[in-house]
């Protein structure tokens, strides 16, 4: 299998990546979720061009991200808090 880099994103103001997860939104478009150090949000970017798709708030330094069945997203932080979101 040969893989080819399609696009990349690097923004120093975001800080280091703590967690990353790929999923599909409610319209089946590809989205990558990233959590960055010292931020209280999870960033969402559309693929393949990394357009800004918004943010999920109220979770600091998310260490784990997961795409779940039924269009749900789960995130866990260093304090042990787990939060979930649902695509609409």
PDB file of N, CA and C in Angstrom:
ATOM      1  N   UNK A   1       0.850  -1.166   0.000  1.00  0.00           N
ATOM      2  CA  UNK A   1       0.000   0.000   0.000  1.00  0.00           C
ATOM      3  C   UNK A   1       0.900   1.234   0.000  1.00  0.00           C
ATOM      4  N   UNK A   2       0.577   2.185  -0.846  1.00  0.00           N
ATOM      5  CA  UNK A   2       1.320   3.444  -0.909  1.00  0.00           C
ATOM      6  C   UNK A   2       0.402   4.556  -0.445  1.00  0.00           C
ATOM      7  N   UNK A   3       0.884   5.355   0.513  1.00  0.00           N
ATOM      8  CA  UNK A   3       0.127   6.508   0.999  1.00  0.00           C
ATOM      9  C   UNK A   3       0.760   7.780   0.480  1.00  0.00           C
ATOM     10  N   UNK A   4      -0.059   8.777   0.177  1.00  0.00           N
ATOM     11  CA  UNK A   4       0.436  10.041  -0.312  1.00  0.00           C
ATOM     12  C   UNK A   4      -0.107  11.156   0.577  1.00  0.00           C
ATOM     13  N   UNK A   5       0.756  12.058   1.033  1.00  0.00           N
ATOM     14  CA  UNK A   5       0.321  13.195   1.828  1.00  0.00           C
ATOM     15  C   UNK A   5      -0.573  14.080   0.983  1.00  0.00           C
ATOM     16  N   UNK A   6      -1.779  14.352   1.482  1.00  0.00           N
ATOM     17  CA  UNK A   6      -2.737  15.160   0.745  1.00  0.00           C
ATOM     18  C   UNK A   6      -2.645  16.618   1.175  1.00  0.00           C
ATOM     19  N   UNK A   7      -2.547  16.852   2.456  1.00  0.00           N
ATOM     20  CA  UNK A   7      -2.522  18.211   2.985  1.00  0.00           C
ATOM     21  C   UNK A   7      -2.033  18.138   4.425  1.00  0.00           C
ATOM     22  N   UNK A   8      -1.450  19.208   4.921  1.00  0.00           N
ATOM     23  CA  UNK A   8      -1.046  19.238   6.316  1.00  0.00           C
ATOM     24  C   UNK A   8      -1.379  20.596   6.917  1.00  0.00           C
ATOM     25  N   UNK A   9      -1.469  20.646   8.228  1.00  0.00           N
ATOM     26  CA  UNK A   9      -1.800  21.867   8.959  1.00  0.00           C
ATOM     27  C   UNK A   9      -0.799  22.015  10.088  1.00  0.00           C
ATOM     28  N   UNK A  10      -0.196  23.186  10.194  1.00  0.00           N
ATOM     29  CA  UNK A  10       0.687  23.471  11.321  1.00  0.00           C
ATOM     30  C   UNK A  10       0.460  24.912  11.733  1.00  0.00           C
ATOM     31  N   UNK A  11      -0.026  25.099  12.950  1.00  0.00           N
ATOM     32  CA  UNK A  11      -0.244  26.433  13.493  1.00  0.00           C
ATOM     33  C   UNK A  11       0.371  26.468  14.872  1.00  0.00           C
ATOM     34  N   UNK A  12       1.484  27.164  14.999  1.00  0.00           N
ATOM     35  CA  UNK A  12       2.196  27.198  16.265  1.00  0.00           C
ATOM     36  C   UNK A  12       1.361  27.776  17.397  1.00  0.00           C
ATOM     37  N   UNK A  13       0.421  28.668  17.079  1.00  0.00           N
ATOM     38  CA  UNK A  13      -0.403  29.258  18.134  1.00  0.00           C
ATOM     39  C   UNK A  13      -1.326  28.241  18.787  1.00  0.00           C
ATOM     40  N   UNK A  14      -1.564  27.088  18.135  1.00  0.00           N
ATOM     41  CA  UNK A  14      -2.394  26.052  18.722  1.00  0.00           C
ATOM     42  C   UNK A  14      -1.678  25.300  19.835  1.00  0.00           C
ATOM     43  N   UNK A  15      -0.382  25.224  19.830  1.00  0.00           N
ATOM     44  CA  UNK A  15       0.345  24.414  20.799  1.00  0.00           C
ATOM     45  C   UNK A  15       0.407  22.968  20.339  1.00  0.00           C
ATOM     46  N   UNK A  16       1.058  22.131  21.131  1.00  0.00           N
ATOM     47  CA  UNK A  16       1.217  20.725  20.769  1.00  0.00           C
ATOM     48  C   UNK A  16      -0.099  19.961  20.779  1.00  0.00           C
ATOM     49  N   UNK A  17      -0.203  18.971  19.912  1.00  0.00           N
ATOM     50  CA  UNK A  17      -1.415  18.146  19.850  1.00  0.00           C
ATOM     51  C   UNK A  17      -1.385  17.100  20.956  1.00  0.00           C
ATOM     52  N   UNK A  18      -2.473  17.020  21.714  1.00  0.00           N
ATOM     53  CA  UNK A  18      -2.620  16.021  22.774  1.00  0.00           C
ATOM     54  C   UNK A  18      -3.380  14.799  22.276  1.00  0.00           C
ATOM     55  N   UNK A  19      -4.382  15.027  21.422  1.00  0.00           N
ATOM     56  CA  UNK A  19      -5.205  13.922  20.912  1.00  0.00           C
ATOM     57  C   UNK A  19      -5.758  14.311  19.550  1.00  0.00           C
ATOM     58  N   UNK A  20      -6.026  13.289  18.729  1.00  0.00           N
ATOM     59  CA  UNK A  20      -6.559  13.518  17.396  1.00  0.00           C
ATOM     60  C   UNK A  20      -7.464  12.346  17.029  1.00  0.00           C
ATOM     61  N   UNK A  21      -8.531  12.653  16.287  1.00  0.00           N
ATOM     62  CA  UNK A  21      -9.490  11.623  15.906  1.00  0.00           C
ATOM     63  C   UNK A  21     -10.163  12.027  14.602  1.00  0.00           C
ATOM     64  N   UNK A  22     -10.362  11.088  13.705  1.00  0.00           N
ATOM     65  CA  UNK A  22     -11.098  11.335  12.474  1.00  0.00           C
ATOM     66  C   UNK A  22     -12.507  10.789  12.576  1.00  0.00           C
ATOM     67  N   UNK A  23     -13.455  11.483  11.952  1.00  0.00           N
ATOM     68  CA  UNK A  23     -14.848  11.051  11.977  1.00  0.00           C
ATOM     69  C   UNK A  23     -15.559  11.636  10.759  1.00  0.00           C
ATOM     70  N   UNK A  24     -16.852  11.376  10.652  1.00  0.00           N
ATOM     71  CA  UNK A  24     -17.697  11.980   9.622  1.00  0.00           C
ATOM     72  C   UNK A  24     -18.794  12.770  10.304  1.00  0.00           C
ATOM     73  N   UNK A  25     -19.156  13.919   9.716  1.00  0.00           N
ATOM     74  CA  UNK A  25     -20.245  14.710  10.288  1.00  0.00           C
ATOM     75  C   UNK A  25     -21.592  14.126   9.860  1.00  0.00           C
ATOM     76  N   UNK A  26     -22.669  14.836  10.161  1.00  0.00           N
ATOM     77  CA  UNK A  26     -24.014  14.329   9.859  1.00  0.00           C
ATOM     78  C   UNK A  26     -24.278  14.213   8.362  1.00  0.00           C
ATOM     79  N   UNK A  27     -23.467  14.901   7.536  1.00  0.00           N
ATOM     80  CA  UNK A  27     -23.605  14.811   6.077  1.00  0.00           C
ATOM     81  C   UNK A  27     -22.554  13.895   5.469  1.00  0.00           C
ATOM     82  N   UNK A  28     -21.865  13.124   6.317  1.00  0.00           N
ATOM     83  CA  UNK A  28     -20.842  12.160   5.907  1.00  0.00           C
ATOM     84  C   UNK A  28     -19.596  12.812   5.311  1.00  0.00           C
ATOM     85  N   UNK A  29     -19.327  14.086   5.658  1.00  0.00           N
ATOM     86  CA  UNK A  29     -18.089  14.761   5.259  1.00  0.00           C
ATOM     87  C   UNK A  29     -17.011  14.444   6.291  1.00  0.00           C
ATOM     88  N   UNK A  30     -15.778  14.258   5.825  1.00  0.00           N
ATOM     89  CA  UNK A  30     -14.660  13.908   6.712  1.00  0.00           C
ATOM     90  C   UNK A  30     -14.249  15.103   7.572  1.00  0.00           C
ATOM     91  N   UNK A  31     -14.060  14.823   8.865  1.00  0.00           N
ATOM     92  CA  UNK A  31     -13.673  15.846   9.839  1.00  0.00           C
ATOM     93  C   UNK A  31     -12.582  15.269  10.727  1.00  0.00           C
ATOM     94  N   UNK A  32     -11.564  16.091  11.035  1.00  0.00           N
ATOM     95  CA  UNK A  32     -10.546  15.684  12.004  1.00  0.00           C
ATOM     96  C   UNK A  32     -10.715  16.567  13.242  1.00  0.00           C
ATOM     97  N   UNK A  33     -10.689  15.935  14.411  1.00  0.00           N
ATOM     98  CA  UNK A  33     -10.810  16.631  15.697  1.00  0.00           C
ATOM     99  C   UNK A  33      -9.438  16.641  16.343  1.00  0.00           C
ATOM    100  N   UNK A  34      -9.023  17.796  16.878  1.00  0.00           N
ATOM    101  CA  UNK A  34      -7.724  17.882  17.549  1.00  0.00           C
ATOM    102  C   UNK A  34      -7.863  18.614  18.873  1.00  0.00           C
ATOM    103  N   UNK A  35      -7.132  18.131  19.860  1.00  0.00           N
ATOM    104  CA  UNK A  35      -7.019  18.772  21.158  1.00  0.00           C
ATOM    105  C   UNK A  35      -5.576  19.237  21.298  1.00  0.00           C
ATOM    106  N   UNK A  36      -5.399  20.479  21.743  1.00  0.00           N
ATOM    107  CA  UNK A  36      -4.063  21.067  21.845  1.00  0.00           C
ATOM    108  C   UNK A  36      -3.775  21.452  23.291  1.00  0.00           C
ATOM    109  N   UNK A  37      -2.493  21.432  23.654  1.00  0.00           N
ATOM    110  CA  UNK A  37      -2.094  21.753  25.027  1.00  0.00           C
ATOM    111  C   UNK A  37      -2.516  23.170  25.409  1.00  0.00           C
ATOM    112  N   UNK A  38      -2.936  23.319  26.651  1.00  0.00           N
ATOM    113  CA  UNK A  38      -3.316  24.606  27.233  1.00  0.00           C
ATOM    114  C   UNK A  38      -4.539  25.244  26.576  1.00  0.00           C
ATOM    115  N   UNK A  39      -5.427  24.450  26.002  1.00  0.00           N
ATOM    116  CA  UNK A  39      -6.658  24.981  25.420  1.00  0.00           C
ATOM    117  C   UNK A  39      -7.868  24.326  26.073  1.00  0.00           C
ATOM    118  N   UNK A  40      -8.951  25.078  26.131  1.00  0.00           N
ATOM    119  CA  UNK A  40     -10.205  24.586  26.705  1.00  0.00           C
ATOM    120  C   UNK A  40     -11.195  24.181  25.614  1.00  0.00           C
ATOM    121  N   UNK A  41     -10.694  23.805  24.454  1.00  0.00           N
ATOM    122  CA  UNK A  41     -11.559  23.465  23.316  1.00  0.00           C
ATOM    123  C   UNK A  41     -10.995  22.274  22.559  1.00  0.00           C
ATOM    124  N   UNK A  42     -11.853  21.699  21.727  1.00  0.00           N
ATOM    125  CA  UNK A  42     -11.451  20.719  20.727  1.00  0.00           C
ATOM    126  C   UNK A  42     -11.730  21.379  19.386  1.00  0.00           C
ATOM    127  N   UNK A  43     -10.733  21.421  18.531  1.00  0.00           N
ATOM    128  CA  UNK A  43     -10.882  22.057  17.225  1.00  0.00           C
ATOM    129  C   UNK A  43     -11.365  21.028  16.200  1.00  0.00           C
ATOM    130  N   UNK A  44     -12.235  21.491  15.281  1.00  0.00           N
ATOM    131  CA  UNK A  44     -12.736  20.636  14.206  1.00  0.00           C
ATOM    132  C   UNK A  44     -12.320  21.230  12.869  1.00  0.00           C
ATOM    133  N   UNK A  45     -11.745  20.385  12.003  1.00  0.00           N
ATOM    134  CA  UNK A  45     -11.314  20.826  10.680  1.00  0.00           C
ATOM    135  C   UNK A  45     -11.846  19.859   9.634  1.00  0.00           C
ATOM    136  N   UNK A  46     -12.393  20.418   8.556  1.00  0.00           N
ATOM    137  CA  UNK A  46     -12.852  19.600   7.440  1.00  0.00           C
ATOM    138  C   UNK A  46     -11.677  19.112   6.625  1.00  0.00           C
ATOM    139  N   UNK A  47     -11.810  17.924   6.065  1.00  0.00           N
ATOM    140  CA  UNK A  47     -10.764  17.363   5.218  1.00  0.00           C
ATOM    141  C   UNK A  47     -11.239  17.355   3.771  1.00  0.00           C
ATOM    142  N   UNK A  48     -10.367  17.482   2.809  1.00  0.00           N
ATOM    143  CA  UNK A  48      -8.920  17.364   2.922  1.00  0.00           C
ATOM    144  C   UNK A  48      -8.188  18.686   3.118  1.00  0.00           C
ATOM    145  N   UNK A  49      -8.875  19.836   3.135  1.00  0.00           N
ATOM    146  CA  UNK A  49      -8.163  21.119   3.139  1.00  0.00           C
ATOM    147  C   UNK A  49      -8.085  21.811   4.502  1.00  0.00           C
ATOM    148  N   UNK A  50      -8.528  21.155   5.576  1.00  0.00           N
ATOM    149  CA  UNK A  50      -8.436  21.664   6.946  1.00  0.00           C
ATOM    150  C   UNK A  50      -9.221  22.963   7.163  1.00  0.00           C
ATOM    151  N   UNK A  51     -10.346  23.143   6.469  1.00  0.00           N
ATOM    152  CA  UNK A  51     -11.145  24.342   6.727  1.00  0.00           C
ATOM    153  C   UNK A  51     -11.695  24.272   8.148  1.00  0.00           C
ATOM    154  N   UNK A  52     -11.810  25.433   8.776  1.00  0.00           N
ATOM    155  CA  UNK A  52     -12.300  25.517  10.154  1.00  0.00           C
ATOM    156  C   UNK A  52     -13.763  25.094  10.191  1.00  0.00           C
ATOM    157  N   UNK A  53     -14.072  24.091  11.007  1.00  0.00           N
ATOM    158  CA  UNK A  53     -15.443  23.593  11.149  1.00  0.00           C
ATOM    159  C   UNK A  53     -16.027  23.898  12.523  1.00  0.00           C
ATOM    160  N   UNK A  54     -15.302  24.676  13.322  1.00  0.00           N
ATOM    161  CA  UNK A  54     -15.828  25.047  14.625  1.00  0.00           C
ATOM    162  C   UNK A  54     -15.046  24.429  15.768  1.00  0.00           C
ATOM    163  N   UNK A  55     -15.635  24.551  16.964  1.00  0.00           N
ATOM    164  CA  UNK A  55     -14.974  24.094  18.179  1.00  0.00           C
ATOM    165  C   UNK A  55     -15.978  23.454  19.127  1.00  0.00           C
ATOM    166  N   UNK A  56     -15.495  22.515  19.903  1.00  0.00           N
ATOM    167  CA  UNK A  56     -16.260  21.958  21.020  1.00  0.00           C
ATOM    168  C   UNK A  56     -15.624  22.534  22.272  1.00  0.00           C
ATOM    169  N   UNK A  57     -16.429  23.124  23.141  1.00  0.00           N
ATOM    170  CA  UNK A  57     -15.868  23.817  24.299  1.00  0.00           C
ATOM    171  C   UNK A  57     -16.101  23.047  25.594  1.00  0.00           C
ATOM    172  N   UNK A  58     -15.605  23.634  26.660  1.00  0.00           N
ATOM    173  CA  UNK A  58     -15.834  23.149  28.026  1.00  0.00           C
ATOM    174  C   UNK A  58     -15.077  21.872  28.360  1.00  0.00           C
ATOM    175  N   UNK A  59     -13.926  21.667  27.744  1.00  0.00           N
ATOM    176  CA  UNK A  59     -13.065  20.550  28.144  1.00  0.00           C
ATOM    177  C   UNK A  59     -11.621  21.011  27.968  1.00  0.00           C
ATOM    178  N   UNK A  60     -10.835  20.934  29.031  1.00  0.00           N
ATOM    179  CA  UNK A  60      -9.458  21.431  28.997  1.00  0.00           C
ATOM    180  C   UNK A  60      -8.477  20.281  28.802  1.00  0.00           C
ATOM    181  N   UNK A  61      -7.544  20.480  27.869  1.00  0.00           N
ATOM    182  CA  UNK A  61      -6.483  19.504  27.622  1.00  0.00           C
ATOM    183  C   UNK A  61      -7.037  18.090  27.428  1.00  0.00           C
ATOM    184  N   UNK A  62      -7.966  17.935  26.492  1.00  0.00           N
ATOM    185  CA  UNK A  62      -8.526  16.605  26.213  1.00  0.00           C
ATOM    186  C   UNK A  62      -7.405  15.666  25.805  1.00  0.00           C
ATOM    187  N   UNK A  63      -7.282  14.543  26.507  1.00  0.00           N
ATOM    188  CA  UNK A  63      -6.203  13.572  26.257  1.00  0.00           C
ATOM    189  C   UNK A  63      -6.643  12.413  25.384  1.00  0.00           C
ATOM    190  N   UNK A  64      -7.948  12.238  25.235  1.00  0.00           N
ATOM    191  CA  UNK A  64      -8.470  11.135  24.423  1.00  0.00           C
ATOM    192  C   UNK A  64      -9.696  11.618  23.659  1.00  0.00           C
ATOM    193  N   UNK A  65      -9.758  11.277  22.378  1.00  0.00           N
ATOM    194  CA  UNK A  65     -10.907  11.596  21.524  1.00  0.00           C
ATOM    195  C   UNK A  65     -11.339  10.314  20.830  1.00  0.00           C
ATOM    196  N   UNK A  66     -12.643  10.130  20.696  1.00  0.00           N
ATOM    197  CA  UNK A  66     -13.148   8.926  20.023  1.00  0.00           C
ATOM    198  C   UNK A  66     -14.420   9.243  19.257  1.00  0.00           C
ATOM    199  N   UNK A  67     -14.511   8.691  18.052  1.00  0.00           N
ATOM    200  CA  UNK A  67     -15.739   8.739  17.269  1.00  0.00           C
ATOM    201  C   UNK A  67     -16.545   7.494  17.635  1.00  0.00           C
ATOM    202  N   UNK A  68     -17.797   7.693  18.025  1.00  0.00           N
ATOM    203  CA  UNK A  68     -18.651   6.596  18.473  1.00  0.00           C
ATOM    204  C   UNK A  68     -19.769   6.354  17.463  1.00  0.00           C
ATOM    205  N   UNK A  69     -20.390   5.204  17.498  1.00  0.00           N
ATOM    206  CA  UNK A  69     -21.523   4.934  16.605  1.00  0.00           C
ATOM    207  C   UNK A  69     -22.643   5.944  16.817  1.00  0.00           C
ATOM    208  N   UNK A  70     -23.424   6.165  15.770  1.00  0.00           N
ATOM    209  CA  UNK A  70     -24.567   7.063  15.876  1.00  0.00           C
ATOM    210  C   UNK A  70     -24.203   8.536  15.809  1.00  0.00           C
ATOM    211  N   UNK A  71     -23.006   8.858  15.314  1.00  0.00           N
ATOM    212  CA  UNK A  71     -22.623  10.261  15.170  1.00  0.00           C
ATOM    213  C   UNK A  71     -22.222  10.943  16.457  1.00  0.00           C
ATOM    214  N   UNK A  72     -21.775  10.179  17.430  1.00  0.00           N
ATOM    215  CA  UNK A  72     -21.343  10.767  18.695  1.00  0.00           C
ATOM    216  C   UNK A  72     -19.827  10.890  18.741  1.00  0.00           C
ATOM    217  N   UNK A  73     -19.356  11.855  19.534  1.00  0.00           N
ATOM    218  CA  UNK A  73     -17.935  12.079  19.782  1.00  0.00           C
ATOM    219  C   UNK A  73     -17.744  12.098  21.290  1.00  0.00           C
ATOM    220  N   UNK A  74     -16.694  11.426  21.764  1.00  0.00           N
ATOM    221  CA  UNK A  74     -16.389  11.419  23.200  1.00  0.00           C
ATOM    222  C   UNK A  74     -14.988  11.983  23.398  1.00  0.00           C
ATOM    223  N   UNK A  75     -14.805  12.685  24.524  1.00  0.00           N
ATOM    224  CA  UNK A  75     -13.494  13.231  24.876  1.00  0.00           C
ATOM    225  C   UNK A  75     -13.276  13.048  26.370  1.00  0.00           C
ATOM    226  N   UNK A  76     -12.033  12.732  26.724  1.00  0.00           N
ATOM    227  CA  UNK A  76     -11.666  12.589  28.132  1.00  0.00           C
ATOM    228  C   UNK A  76     -10.482  13.486  28.442  1.00  0.00           C
ATOM    229  N   UNK A  77     -10.483  14.106  29.623  1.00  0.00           N
ATOM    230  CA  UNK A  77      -9.389  15.003  29.991  1.00  0.00           C
ATOM    231  C   UNK A  77      -8.515  14.396  31.085  1.00  0.00           C
ATOM    232  N   UNK A  78      -7.464  15.129  31.464  1.00  0.00           N
ATOM    233  CA  UNK A  78      -6.496  14.634  32.449  1.00  0.00           C
ATOM    234  C   UNK A  78      -7.118  14.442  33.829  1.00  0.00           C
ATOM    235  N   UNK A  79      -8.207  15.151  34.122  1.00  0.00           N
ATOM    236  CA  UNK A  79      -8.874  15.031  35.420  1.00  0.00           C
ATOM    237  C   UNK A  79      -9.794  13.816  35.484  1.00  0.00           C
ATOM    238  N   UNK A  80      -9.998  13.131  34.351  1.00  0.00           N
ATOM    239  CA  UNK A  80     -10.859  11.957  34.326  1.00  0.00           C
ATOM    240  C   UNK A  80     -12.280  12.246  33.890  1.00  0.00           C
ATOM    241  N   UNK A  81     -12.566  13.473  33.474  1.00  0.00           N
ATOM    242  CA  UNK A  81     -13.904  13.836  33.007  1.00  0.00           C
ATOM    243  C   UNK A  81     -14.089  13.348  31.573  1.00  0.00           C
ATOM    244  N   UNK A  82     -15.222  12.740  31.307  1.00  0.00           N
ATOM    245  CA  UNK A  82     -15.583  12.317  29.945  1.00  0.00           C
ATOM    246  C   UNK A  82     -16.831  13.088  29.536  1.00  0.00           C
ATOM    247  N   UNK A  83     -16.787  13.680  28.337  1.00  0.00           N
ATOM    248  CA  UNK A  83     -17.937  14.405  27.797  1.00  0.00           C
ATOM    249  C   UNK A  83     -18.246  13.846  26.426  1.00  0.00           C
ATOM    250  N   UNK A  84     -19.519  13.934  26.034  1.00  0.00           N
ATOM    251  CA  UNK A  84     -19.930  13.467  24.712  1.00  0.00           C
ATOM    252  C   UNK A  84     -20.700  14.562  23.978  1.00  0.00           C
ATOM    253  N   UNK A  85     -20.618  14.518  22.660  1.00  0.00           N
ATOM    254  CA  UNK A  85     -21.337  15.428  21.781  1.00  0.00           C
ATOM    255  C   UNK A  85     -21.997  14.602  20.700  1.00  0.00           C
ATOM    256  N   UNK A  86     -23.060  15.145  20.094  1.00  0.00           N
ATOM    257  CA  UNK A  86     -23.810  14.471  19.030  1.00  0.00           C
ATOM    258  C   UNK A  86     -23.888  15.402  17.829  1.00  0.00           C
ATOM    259  N   UNK A  87     -23.542  14.879  16.616  1.00  0.00           N
ATOM    260  CA  UNK A  87     -23.721  15.664  15.395  1.00  0.00           C
ATOM    261  C   UNK A  87     -25.204  15.902  15.164  1.00  0.00           C
ATOM    262  N   UNK A  88     -25.569  17.069  14.660  1.00  0.00           N
ATOM    263  CA  UNK A  88     -26.958  17.363  14.289  1.00  0.00           C
ATOM    264  C   UNK A  88     -27.028  17.751  12.840  1.00  0.00           C
TER     265      UNK A  88
END
